[in-house]
N, C-alpha and C. Protein backbone atom coordinates (compact mmCIF):
# COMPACT_ATOMS: atom_id res chain seq x y z
N MET A 1 94.17 -10.00 91.22
CA MET A 1 93.06 -10.43 92.11
C MET A 1 92.87 -11.98 91.60
N PHE A 2 92.49 -12.86 92.59
CA PHE A 2 92.45 -13.99 92.47
C PHE A 2 91.62 -14.66 93.01
N THR A 3 91.29 -16.25 92.42
CA THR A 3 89.76 -16.98 93.29
C THR A 3 90.75 -18.37 93.85
N ILE A 4 90.25 -18.57 94.65
CA ILE A 4 90.42 -19.83 95.39
C ILE A 4 89.11 -20.71 95.27
N ASN A 5 89.21 -21.95 94.77
CA ASN A 5 88.01 -22.83 94.97
C ASN A 5 87.76 -23.47 96.05
N ALA A 6 86.49 -23.35 96.84
CA ALA A 6 86.11 -23.81 97.96
C ALA A 6 85.10 -24.75 97.90
N GLU A 7 84.96 -26.02 98.50
CA GLU A 7 84.01 -26.47 98.69
C GLU A 7 83.22 -27.09 100.10
N VAL A 8 81.84 -27.23 99.77
CA VAL A 8 81.11 -27.19 101.35
C VAL A 8 81.41 -28.54 101.56
N ARG A 9 81.72 -28.40 103.03
CA ARG A 9 82.33 -29.69 103.87
C ARG A 9 80.84 -30.61 104.27
N LYS A 10 81.45 -31.85 103.99
CA LYS A 10 80.17 -32.43 104.08
C LYS A 10 80.02 -33.21 105.22
N GLU A 11 81.48 -33.00 106.11
CA GLU A 11 81.58 -33.78 107.44
C GLU A 11 82.20 -32.65 108.51
N GLN A 12 82.10 -32.62 109.92
CA GLN A 12 82.37 -31.46 110.65
C GLN A 12 83.19 -32.12 111.69
N GLY A 13 83.77 -31.87 112.54
CA GLY A 13 84.37 -32.36 113.62
C GLY A 13 86.08 -32.49 113.71
N LYS A 14 86.44 -33.01 114.65
CA LYS A 14 88.06 -33.50 114.83
C LYS A 14 88.46 -34.31 113.80
N GLY A 15 88.05 -35.33 113.44
CA GLY A 15 88.28 -36.50 112.67
C GLY A 15 88.09 -36.20 111.32
N ALA A 16 87.12 -35.29 111.08
CA ALA A 16 86.97 -35.24 109.63
C ALA A 16 88.04 -34.21 109.19
N SER A 17 88.54 -33.01 110.44
CA SER A 17 89.19 -32.05 109.83
C SER A 17 90.82 -33.03 109.90
N ARG A 18 91.05 -34.03 110.42
CA ARG A 18 92.36 -34.73 110.30
C ARG A 18 92.10 -35.24 108.86
N ARG A 19 91.31 -35.75 108.35
CA ARG A 19 91.28 -36.29 107.37
C ARG A 19 91.79 -35.70 106.31
N LEU A 20 90.90 -34.17 106.29
CA LEU A 20 90.98 -33.18 105.42
C LEU A 20 92.36 -32.72 105.33
N ARG A 21 93.07 -32.59 106.13
CA ARG A 21 94.50 -32.22 106.41
C ARG A 21 95.32 -33.39 106.02
N ALA A 22 95.13 -34.81 106.16
CA ALA A 22 95.73 -35.62 105.56
C ALA A 22 95.86 -35.65 104.07
N ALA A 23 94.60 -34.92 103.30
CA ALA A 23 94.14 -35.00 102.15
C ALA A 23 94.85 -33.61 101.29
N ASN A 24 95.52 -33.06 102.06
CA ASN A 24 96.21 -31.93 101.69
C ASN A 24 95.20 -30.45 101.46
N LYS A 25 94.30 -30.96 102.16
CA LYS A 25 93.14 -29.79 102.40
C LYS A 25 93.10 -29.18 103.74
N PHE A 26 92.41 -28.40 103.92
CA PHE A 26 92.12 -27.53 105.54
C PHE A 26 90.76 -26.86 105.73
N PRO A 27 90.34 -27.06 106.51
CA PRO A 27 88.92 -26.53 106.64
C PRO A 27 88.86 -25.24 107.22
N ALA A 28 87.71 -24.35 106.98
CA ALA A 28 87.70 -23.08 106.91
C ALA A 28 86.17 -22.51 107.19
N ILE A 29 85.83 -21.62 107.68
CA ILE A 29 84.46 -21.06 107.75
C ILE A 29 84.50 -19.77 107.17
N ILE A 30 83.29 -19.31 106.46
CA ILE A 30 82.91 -17.99 105.75
C ILE A 30 81.80 -17.11 106.52
N TYR A 31 82.41 -16.41 106.69
CA TYR A 31 81.15 -15.70 107.51
C TYR A 31 80.98 -14.04 106.72
N GLY A 32 79.83 -13.62 106.86
CA GLY A 32 79.86 -12.25 106.35
C GLY A 32 78.03 -12.05 106.22
N GLY A 33 77.98 -10.82 106.30
CA GLY A 33 76.77 -10.36 105.67
C GLY A 33 75.64 -10.86 106.83
N LYS A 34 74.30 -11.32 106.04
CA LYS A 34 73.30 -12.02 107.07
C LYS A 34 73.04 -13.36 106.57
N GLU A 35 74.08 -14.11 105.97
CA GLU A 35 74.16 -15.41 105.65
C GLU A 35 74.52 -16.01 106.88
N ALA A 36 74.14 -17.35 107.35
CA ALA A 36 74.91 -18.35 108.10
C ALA A 36 76.17 -18.75 107.70
N PRO A 37 77.10 -19.00 108.74
CA PRO A 37 78.34 -18.92 108.45
C PRO A 37 78.29 -20.37 107.56
N LEU A 38 79.27 -20.62 106.56
CA LEU A 38 79.29 -21.88 105.69
C LEU A 38 80.55 -22.35 106.04
N ALA A 39 80.37 -23.92 106.28
CA ALA A 39 81.67 -24.75 106.55
C ALA A 39 82.27 -25.16 105.43
N VAL A 40 83.55 -24.83 104.82
CA VAL A 40 84.27 -25.27 103.67
C VAL A 40 85.39 -25.87 104.02
N GLU A 41 85.83 -26.37 103.01
CA GLU A 41 87.06 -26.89 102.54
C GLU A 41 87.92 -26.27 101.43
N LEU A 42 89.24 -26.09 101.68
CA LEU A 42 90.02 -25.43 101.00
C LEU A 42 91.46 -26.43 100.50
N ASP A 43 91.96 -26.34 99.14
CA ASP A 43 93.02 -26.89 98.98
C ASP A 43 94.44 -26.18 99.33
N HIS A 44 95.09 -27.11 100.26
CA HIS A 44 96.34 -26.12 100.66
C HIS A 44 97.22 -25.66 99.75
N ARG A 45 97.58 -26.58 98.70
CA ARG A 45 98.64 -25.78 97.99
C ARG A 45 98.12 -24.52 96.96
N GLN A 46 96.93 -24.79 96.62
CA GLN A 46 96.30 -23.72 95.89
C GLN A 46 96.29 -22.23 96.75
N SER A 47 95.73 -22.57 97.90
CA SER A 47 96.02 -21.57 98.92
C SER A 47 97.15 -20.54 99.34
N HIS A 48 98.22 -21.65 99.16
CA HIS A 48 99.64 -21.46 99.59
C HIS A 48 100.44 -20.46 98.42
N GLU A 49 99.91 -20.85 97.34
CA GLU A 49 100.13 -20.14 96.16
C GLU A 49 99.82 -18.62 95.91
N HIS A 50 98.37 -18.94 96.53
CA HIS A 50 98.07 -17.43 96.34
C HIS A 50 98.55 -16.38 97.36
N ALA A 51 98.89 -17.15 98.70
CA ALA A 51 99.50 -16.36 100.05
C ALA A 51 101.09 -16.02 99.75
N SER A 52 101.56 -16.16 99.10
CA SER A 52 103.08 -16.29 98.84
C SER A 52 103.29 -14.87 98.27
């Protein structure tokens, strides 16, 4: 089992997503349960290490 660190996104939209990708991060949304969807940002390098 592993843990991926996520941070709540402060900005949303196409421009904000492009800035995240330029910073080697990517946008994601966490869905589940009865909670509202949560927009987060993930580190590309860390996520890629766990996906391989």
